[in-house]
Amino acid sequence: MYIGGGLISIIVLILDLIAIVEVLQSGRAVMEKLLWILLILLLPLFGVLLYFLIGRK
């Protein structure tokens, strides 16, 4: 039984949720929030990495 992939998926999901909550609580414009959330949802790992590297203010 291989559970490593499932564990990684759960970690990525948790990071995605943290990023989405952070985006929603930010003082950004609504359209900017929507774009970040779409990026995070459509590209879970890449989107959250981009947000944490360049999207945070």
Protein backbone atom coordinates (compact mmCIF):
# COMPACT_ATOMS: atom_id res chain seq x y z
CA MET A 1 0.00 0.00 0.00
CA TYR A 2 1.41 3.36 -1.07
CA ILE A 3 0.25 6.32 1.03
CA GLY A 4 2.92 8.88 0.13
CA GLY A 5 0.89 10.34 -2.73
CA GLY A 6 -2.15 10.74 -0.54
CA LEU A 7 -0.14 12.52 2.13
CA ILE A 8 1.33 14.92 -0.41
CA SER A 9 -2.16 15.63 -1.77
CA ILE A 10 -3.44 16.45 1.70
CA ILE A 11 -0.50 18.81 2.31
CA VAL A 12 -1.12 20.59 -1.01
CA LEU A 13 -4.84 20.88 -0.18
CA ILE A 14 -4.07 22.41 3.21
CA LEU A 15 -1.62 24.89 1.65
CA ASP A 16 -4.23 25.79 -0.98
CA LEU A 17 -6.85 26.46 1.70
CA ILE A 18 -4.42 28.59 3.72
CA ALA A 19 -3.55 30.63 0.63
CA ILE A 20 -7.21 31.11 -0.31
CA VAL A 21 -8.11 32.29 3.20
CA GLU A 22 -5.14 34.65 3.15
CA VAL A 23 -6.22 36.05 -0.23
CA LEU A 24 -9.78 36.58 1.01
CA GLN A 25 -8.56 38.39 4.13
CA SER A 26 -6.19 40.65 2.21
CA GLY A 27 -6.99 44.22 1.28
CA ARG A 28 -6.75 43.52 -2.43
CA ALA A 29 -9.35 44.53 -4.99
CA VAL A 30 -12.10 41.99 -5.62
CA MET A 31 -10.91 41.19 -9.15
CA GLU A 32 -7.36 40.61 -7.94
CA LYS A 33 -8.65 38.27 -5.22
CA LEU A 34 -10.70 36.38 -7.79
CA LEU A 35 -7.71 35.97 -10.12
CA TRP A 36 -5.46 34.67 -7.34
CA ILE A 37 -8.11 32.22 -6.15
CA LEU A 38 -8.67 30.95 -9.70
CA LEU A 39 -4.94 30.48 -10.17
CA ILE A 40 -4.67 28.57 -6.89
CA LEU A 41 -7.65 26.35 -7.73
CA LEU A 42 -6.71 25.64 -11.35
CA LEU A 43 -3.01 25.02 -10.67
CA PRO A 44 -2.95 23.85 -7.04
CA LEU A 45 0.76 23.36 -6.44
CA PHE A 46 2.10 25.93 -8.91
CA GLY A 47 -0.55 28.52 -7.97
CA VAL A 48 0.08 28.31 -4.26
CA LEU A 49 3.84 28.47 -4.80
CA LEU A 50 3.44 31.58 -6.96
CA TYR A 51 1.19 33.18 -4.36
CA PHE A 52 3.56 32.53 -1.48
CA LEU A 53 6.61 33.64 -3.49
CA ILE A 54 5.32 36.76 -5.27
CA GLY A 55 1.68 37.37 -4.35
CA ARG A 56 1.99 38.22 -0.69
CA LYS A 57 2.34 41.86 0.16
